[in-house]
Amino acid sequence: MMDANRKQYKELSRRDFRSDRGFMIRAESSEEVMKVCQEHACSTHGKCESSSEGKEKIKSRMKDVWV
């Protein structure tokens, strides 16, 4: 049984891409995760353009978590 005080979030971690780096995004919606992920990719890695294939890969690795 789920605790009534807990809330569901979407989560994406660098570990979901087989990386040991500690970057993790947790947000209320998949759209918010995508936005933060794209901002991170651009500001940190210089990858400011994203393909539909890349977006699908990210969406497929998002998890639902309860906090």
PDB file of N, CA and C in Angstrom:
ATOM      1  N   MET A   1       0.843  -1.193   0.000  1.00  0.00           N
ATOM      2  CA  MET A   1       0.000   0.000   0.000  1.00  0.00           C
ATOM      3  C   MET A   1       0.883   1.249   0.000  1.00  0.00           C
ATOM      4  N   MET A   2       0.538   2.210  -0.832  1.00  0.00           N
ATOM      5  CA  MET A   2       1.321   3.428  -0.976  1.00  0.00           C
ATOM      6  C   MET A   2       0.964   4.422   0.135  1.00  0.00           C
ATOM      7  N   ASP A   3       1.963   5.037   0.737  1.00  0.00           N
ATOM      8  CA  ASP A   3       1.775   6.051   1.766  1.00  0.00           C
ATOM      9  C   ASP A   3       1.120   7.274   1.132  1.00  0.00           C
ATOM     10  N   ALA A   4       0.047   7.770   1.746  1.00  0.00           N
ATOM     11  CA  ALA A   4      -0.698   8.906   1.189  1.00  0.00           C
ATOM     12  C   ALA A   4       0.145  10.177   1.123  1.00  0.00           C
ATOM     13  N   ASN A   5       1.203  10.244   1.920  1.00  0.00           N
ATOM     14  CA  ASN A   5       2.049  11.446   1.939  1.00  0.00           C
ATOM     15  C   ASN A   5       3.143  11.415   0.878  1.00  0.00           C
ATOM     16  N   ARG A   6       3.279  10.306   0.191  1.00  0.00           N
ATOM     17  CA  ARG A   6       4.307  10.206  -0.836  1.00  0.00           C
ATOM     18  C   ARG A   6       3.768  10.674  -2.178  1.00  0.00           C
ATOM     19  N   LYS A   7       4.679  11.149  -3.018  1.00  0.00           N
ATOM     20  CA  LYS A   7       4.296  11.706  -4.311  1.00  0.00           C
ATOM     21  C   LYS A   7       5.095  11.028  -5.420  1.00  0.00           C
ATOM     22  N   GLN A   8       4.474  10.861  -6.579  1.00  0.00           N
ATOM     23  CA  GLN A   8       5.141  10.229  -7.704  1.00  0.00           C
ATOM     24  C   GLN A   8       5.897  11.264  -8.536  1.00  0.00           C
ATOM     25  N   TYR A   9       7.127  10.898  -8.907  1.00  0.00           N
ATOM     26  CA  TYR A   9       7.976  11.743  -9.734  1.00  0.00           C
ATOM     27  C   TYR A   9       8.531  10.922 -10.886  1.00  0.00           C
ATOM     28  N   LYS A  10       9.071  11.606 -11.878  1.00  0.00           N
ATOM     29  CA  LYS A  10       9.849  11.003 -12.949  1.00  0.00           C
ATOM     30  C   LYS A  10      11.315  11.220 -12.598  1.00  0.00           C
ATOM     31  N   GLU A  11      12.148  10.233 -12.892  1.00  0.00           N
ATOM     32  CA  GLU A  11      13.561  10.333 -12.541  1.00  0.00           C
ATOM     33  C   GLU A  11      14.423   9.803 -13.676  1.00  0.00           C
ATOM     34  N   LEU A  12      15.541  10.473 -13.885  1.00  0.00           N
ATOM     35  CA  LEU A  12      16.530  10.063 -14.881  1.00  0.00           C
ATOM     36  C   LEU A  12      17.906  10.316 -14.291  1.00  0.00           C
ATOM     37  N   SER A  13      18.771   9.332 -14.391  1.00  0.00           N
ATOM     38  CA  SER A  13      20.108   9.423 -13.818  1.00  0.00           C
ATOM     39  C   SER A  13      21.148   9.099 -14.882  1.00  0.00           C
ATOM     40  N   ARG A  14      22.343   9.604 -14.714  1.00  0.00           N
ATOM     41  CA  ARG A  14      23.446   9.238 -15.609  1.00  0.00           C
ATOM     42  C   ARG A  14      23.690   7.738 -15.534  1.00  0.00           C
ATOM     43  N   ARG A  15      23.409   7.126 -14.415  1.00  0.00           N
ATOM     44  CA  ARG A  15      23.580   5.680 -14.265  1.00  0.00           C
ATOM     45  C   ARG A  15      22.654   4.907 -15.205  1.00  0.00           C
ATOM     46  N   ASP A  16      21.520   5.518 -15.588  1.00  0.00           N
ATOM     47  CA  ASP A  16      20.610   4.887 -16.544  1.00  0.00           C
ATOM     48  C   ASP A  16      21.241   4.784 -17.929  1.00  0.00           C
ATOM     49  N   PHE A  17      22.348   5.510 -18.117  1.00  0.00           N
ATOM     50  CA  PHE A  17      23.090   5.486 -19.373  1.00  0.00           C
ATOM     51  C   PHE A  17      24.467   4.856 -19.178  1.00  0.00           C
ATOM     52  N   ARG A  18      24.586   4.040 -18.140  1.00  0.00           N
ATOM     53  CA  ARG A  18      25.827   3.319 -17.806  1.00  0.00           C
ATOM     54  C   ARG A  18      27.004   4.253 -17.573  1.00  0.00           C
ATOM     55  N   SER A  19      26.763   5.296 -16.833  1.00  0.00           N
ATOM     56  CA  SER A  19      27.815   6.247 -16.475  1.00  0.00           C
ATOM     57  C   SER A  19      27.915   6.303 -14.958  1.00  0.00           C
ATOM     58  N   ASP A  20      29.125   6.471 -14.443  1.00  0.00           N
ATOM     59  CA  ASP A  20      29.319   6.548 -12.996  1.00  0.00           C
ATOM     60  C   ASP A  20      29.162   7.963 -12.456  1.00  0.00           C
ATOM     61  N   ARG A  21      28.913   8.899 -13.321  1.00  0.00           N
ATOM     62  CA  ARG A  21      28.750  10.282 -12.864  1.00  0.00           C
ATOM     63  C   ARG A  21      27.452  10.427 -12.084  1.00  0.00           C
ATOM     64  N   GLY A  22      27.413  11.397 -11.178  1.00  0.00           N
ATOM     65  CA  GLY A  22      26.315  11.504 -10.230  1.00  0.00           C
ATOM     66  C   GLY A  22      25.136  12.360 -10.644  1.00  0.00           C
ATOM     67  N   PHE A  23      25.052  12.782 -11.882  1.00  0.00           N
ATOM     68  CA  PHE A  23      23.952  13.661 -12.298  1.00  0.00           C
ATOM     69  C   PHE A  23      22.622  12.911 -12.291  1.00  0.00           C
ATOM     70  N   MET A  24      21.601  13.508 -11.652  1.00  0.00           N
ATOM     71  CA  MET A  24      20.283  12.904 -11.583  1.00  0.00           C
ATOM     72  C   MET A  24      19.226  14.000 -11.646  1.00  0.00           C
ATOM     73  N   ILE A  25      18.149  13.727 -12.361  1.00  0.00           N
ATOM     74  CA  ILE A  25      17.025  14.665 -12.462  1.00  0.00           C
ATOM     75  C   ILE A  25      15.801  13.974 -11.887  1.00  0.00           C
ATOM     76  N   ARG A  26      15.079  14.670 -11.022  1.00  0.00           N
ATOM     77  CA  ARG A  26      13.798  14.185 -10.522  1.00  0.00           C
ATOM     78  C   ARG A  26      12.819  15.349 -10.628  1.00  0.00           C
ATOM     79  N   ALA A  27      11.712  15.111 -11.310  1.00  0.00           N
ATOM     80  CA  ALA A  27      10.742  16.182 -11.538  1.00  0.00           C
ATOM     81  C   ALA A  27       9.327  15.602 -11.541  1.00  0.00           C
ATOM     82  N   GLU A  28       8.347  16.489 -11.505  1.00  0.00           N
ATOM     83  CA  GLU A  28       6.949  16.069 -11.452  1.00  0.00           C
ATOM     84  C   GLU A  28       6.431  15.535 -12.781  1.00  0.00           C
ATOM     85  N   SER A  29       7.093  15.872 -13.887  1.00  0.00           N
ATOM     86  CA  SER A  29       6.594  15.420 -15.192  1.00  0.00           C
ATOM     87  C   SER A  29       7.765  15.035 -16.089  1.00  0.00           C
ATOM     88  N   SER A  30       7.462  14.212 -17.088  1.00  0.00           N
ATOM     89  CA  SER A  30       8.502  13.829 -18.046  1.00  0.00           C
ATOM     90  C   SER A  30       8.947  15.036 -18.873  1.00  0.00           C
ATOM     91  N   GLU A  31       8.040  15.971 -19.115  1.00  0.00           N
ATOM     92  CA  GLU A  31       8.395  17.185 -19.869  1.00  0.00           C
ATOM     93  C   GLU A  31       9.435  18.001 -19.105  1.00  0.00           C
ATOM     94  N   GLU A  32       9.271  18.085 -17.784  1.00  0.00           N
ATOM     95  CA  GLU A  32      10.219  18.842 -16.964  1.00  0.00           C
ATOM     96  C   GLU A  32      11.583  18.139 -16.944  1.00  0.00           C
ATOM     97  N   VAL A  33      11.581  16.816 -16.872  1.00  0.00           N
ATOM     98  CA  VAL A  33      12.838  16.059 -16.930  1.00  0.00           C
ATOM     99  C   VAL A  33      13.534  16.327 -18.265  1.00  0.00           C
ATOM    100  N   MET A  34      12.782  16.284 -19.361  1.00  0.00           N
ATOM    101  CA  MET A  34      13.358  16.537 -20.682  1.00  0.00           C
ATOM    102  C   MET A  34      13.973  17.927 -20.763  1.00  0.00           C
ATOM    103  N   LYS A  35      13.285  18.915 -20.225  1.00  0.00           N
ATOM    104  CA  LYS A  35      13.785  20.296 -20.265  1.00  0.00           C
ATOM    105  C   LYS A  35      15.114  20.417 -19.520  1.00  0.00           C
ATOM    106  N   VAL A  36      15.174  19.869 -18.311  1.00  0.00           N
ATOM    107  CA  VAL A  36      16.401  19.947 -17.516  1.00  0.00           C
ATOM    108  C   VAL A  36      17.520  19.153 -18.183  1.00  0.00           C
ATOM    109  N   CYS A  37      17.172  17.995 -18.736  1.00  0.00           N
ATOM    110  CA  CYS A  37      18.159  17.167 -19.421  1.00  0.00           C
ATOM    111  C   CYS A  37      18.756  17.915 -20.621  1.00  0.00           C
ATOM    112  N   GLN A  38      17.917  18.564 -21.415  1.00  0.00           N
ATOM    113  CA  GLN A  38      18.399  19.311 -22.572  1.00  0.00           C
ATOM    114  C   GLN A  38      19.258  20.504 -22.145  1.00  0.00           C
ATOM    115  N   GLU A  39      18.864  21.187 -21.063  1.00  0.00           N
ATOM    116  CA  GLU A  39      19.671  22.300 -20.554  1.00  0.00           C
ATOM    117  C   GLU A  39      21.040  21.801 -20.092  1.00  0.00           C
ATOM    118  N   HIS A  40      21.060  20.670 -19.406  1.00  0.00           N
ATOM    119  CA  HIS A  40      22.318  20.081 -18.930  1.00  0.00           C
ATOM    120  C   HIS A  40      23.202  19.682 -20.109  1.00  0.00           C
ATOM    121  N   ALA A  41      22.626  19.011 -21.090  1.00  0.00           N
ATOM    122  CA  ALA A  41      23.401  18.570 -22.256  1.00  0.00           C
ATOM    123  C   ALA A  41      24.033  19.756 -22.973  1.00  0.00           C
ATOM    124  N   CYS A  42      23.300  20.854 -23.070  1.00  0.00           N
ATOM    125  CA  CYS A  42      23.806  22.044 -23.769  1.00  0.00           C
ATOM    126  C   CYS A  42      24.887  22.756 -22.949  1.00  0.00           C
ATOM    127  N   SER A  43      24.583  23.023 -21.671  1.00  0.00           N
ATOM    128  CA  SER A  43      25.517  23.811 -20.863  1.00  0.00           C
ATOM    129  C   SER A  43      26.758  23.029 -20.448  1.00  0.00           C
ATOM    130  N   THR A  44      26.624  21.726 -20.235  1.00  0.00           N
ATOM    131  CA  THR A  44      27.747  20.936 -19.746  1.00  0.00           C
ATOM    132  C   THR A  44      28.520  20.237 -20.857  1.00  0.00           C
ATOM    133  N   HIS A  45      27.800  19.767 -21.867  1.00  0.00           N
ATOM    134  CA  HIS A  45      28.429  18.957 -22.908  1.00  0.00           C
ATOM    135  C   HIS A  45      28.449  19.620 -24.282  1.00  0.00           C
ATOM    136  N   GLY A  46      27.842  20.810 -24.403  1.00  0.00           N
ATOM    137  CA  GLY A  46      27.822  21.511 -25.672  1.00  0.00           C
ATOM    138  C   GLY A  46      26.918  20.866 -26.711  1.00  0.00           C
ATOM    139  N   LYS A  47      26.047  19.983 -26.291  1.00  0.00           N
ATOM    140  CA  LYS A  47      25.123  19.303 -27.213  1.00  0.00           C
ATOM    141  C   LYS A  47      23.769  19.994 -27.116  1.00  0.00           C
ATOM    142  N   CYS A  48      23.631  21.073 -27.877  1.00  0.00           N
ATOM    143  CA  CYS A  48      22.441  21.913 -27.768  1.00  0.00           C
ATOM    144  C   CYS A  48      21.327  21.520 -28.735  1.00  0.00           C
ATOM    145  N   GLU A  49      21.633  20.659 -29.685  1.00  0.00           N
ATOM    146  CA  GLU A  49      20.618  20.154 -30.614  1.00  0.00           C
ATOM    147  C   GLU A  49      20.280  18.729 -30.204  1.00  0.00           C
ATOM    148  N   SER A  50      19.001  18.392 -30.200  1.00  0.00           N
ATOM    149  CA  SER A  50      18.631  17.024 -29.837  1.00  0.00           C
ATOM    150  C   SER A  50      17.780  16.405 -30.941  1.00  0.00           C
ATOM    151  N   SER A  51      18.049  15.160 -31.211  1.00  0.00           N
ATOM    152  CA  SER A  51      17.310  14.432 -32.246  1.00  0.00           C
ATOM    153  C   SER A  51      16.088  13.760 -31.637  1.00  0.00           C
ATOM    154  N   SER A  52      15.152  13.392 -32.472  1.00  0.00           N
ATOM    155  CA  SER A  52      13.978  12.671 -31.972  1.00  0.00           C
ATOM    156  C   SER A  52      14.404  11.306 -31.429  1.00  0.00           C
ATOM    157  N   GLU A  53      15.431  10.717 -32.026  1.00  0.00           N
ATOM    158  CA  GLU A  53      15.959   9.435 -31.533  1.00  0.00           C
ATOM    159  C   GLU A  53      16.533   9.595 -30.119  1.00  0.00           C
ATOM    160  N   GLY A  54      17.273  10.674 -29.910  1.00  0.00           N
ATOM    161  CA  GLY A  54      17.842  10.953 -28.593  1.00  0.00           C
ATOM    162  C   GLY A  54      16.769  11.199 -27.554  1.00  0.00           C
ATOM    163  N   LYS A  55      15.732  11.947 -27.927  1.00  0.00           N
ATOM    164  CA  LYS A  55      14.626  12.211 -27.001  1.00  0.00           C
ATOM    165  C   LYS A  55      13.908  10.929 -26.619  1.00  0.00           C
ATOM    166  N   GLU A  56      13.704  10.038 -27.584  1.00  0.00           N
ATOM    167  CA  GLU A  56      13.040   8.756 -27.301  1.00  0.00           C
ATOM    168  C   GLU A  56      13.894   7.891 -26.377  1.00  0.00           C
ATOM    169  N   LYS A  57      15.201   7.939 -26.569  1.00  0.00           N
ATOM    170  CA  LYS A  57      16.115   7.180 -25.714  1.00  0.00           C
ATOM    171  C   LYS A  57      16.013   7.676 -24.273  1.00  0.00           C
ATOM    172  N   ILE A  58      15.966   8.983 -24.115  1.00  0.00           N
ATOM    173  CA  ILE A  58      15.842   9.572 -22.776  1.00  0.00           C
ATOM    174  C   ILE A  58      14.499   9.187 -22.151  1.00  0.00           C
ATOM    175  N   LYS A  59      13.426   9.344 -22.891  1.00  0.00           N
ATOM    176  CA  LYS A  59      12.091   9.008 -22.363  1.00  0.00           C
ATOM    177  C   LYS A  59      11.999   7.543 -21.963  1.00  0.00           C
ATOM    178  N   SER A  60      12.627   6.669 -22.732  1.00  0.00           N
ATOM    179  CA  SER A  60      12.542   5.242 -22.439  1.00  0.00           C
ATOM    180  C   SER A  60      13.285   4.856 -21.160  1.00  0.00           C
ATOM    181  N   ARG A  61      14.195   5.699 -20.723  1.00  0.00           N
ATOM    182  CA  ARG A  61      14.989   5.393 -19.525  1.00  0.00           C
ATOM    183  C   ARG A  61      14.500   6.108 -18.275  1.00  0.00           C
ATOM    184  N   MET A  62      13.487   6.928 -18.393  1.00  0.00           N
ATOM    185  CA  MET A  62      12.899   7.575 -17.217  1.00  0.00           C
ATOM    186  C   MET A  62      12.184   6.542 -16.373  1.00  0.00           C
ATOM    187  N   LYS A  63      12.245   6.745 -15.060  1.00  0.00           N
ATOM    188  CA  LYS A  63      11.574   5.845 -14.132  1.00  0.00           C
ATOM    189  C   LYS A  63      10.565   6.628 -13.304  1.00  0.00           C
ATOM    190  N   ASP A  64       9.538   5.928 -12.865  1.00  0.00           N
ATOM    191  CA  ASP A  64       8.607   6.484 -11.890  1.00  0.00           C
ATOM    192  C   ASP A  64       9.138   6.139 -10.512  1.00  0.00           C
ATOM    193  N   VAL A  65       9.232   7.143  -9.651  1.00  0.00           N
ATOM    194  CA  VAL A  65       9.678   6.932  -8.278  1.00  0.00           C
ATOM    195  C   VAL A  65       8.695   7.594  -7.330  1.00  0.00           C
ATOM    196  N   TRP A  66       8.605   7.056  -6.134  1.00  0.00           N
ATOM    197  CA  TRP A  66       7.739   7.637  -5.094  1.00  0.00           C
ATOM    198  C   TRP A  66       8.608   8.186  -3.994  1.00  0.00           C
ATOM    199  N   VAL A  67       8.368   9.439  -3.644  1.00  0.00           N
ATOM    200  CA  VAL A  67       9.162  10.111  -2.596  1.00  0.00           C
ATOM    201  C   VAL A  67       8.206  10.699  -1.578  1.00  0.00           C
TER     202      VAL A  67
END
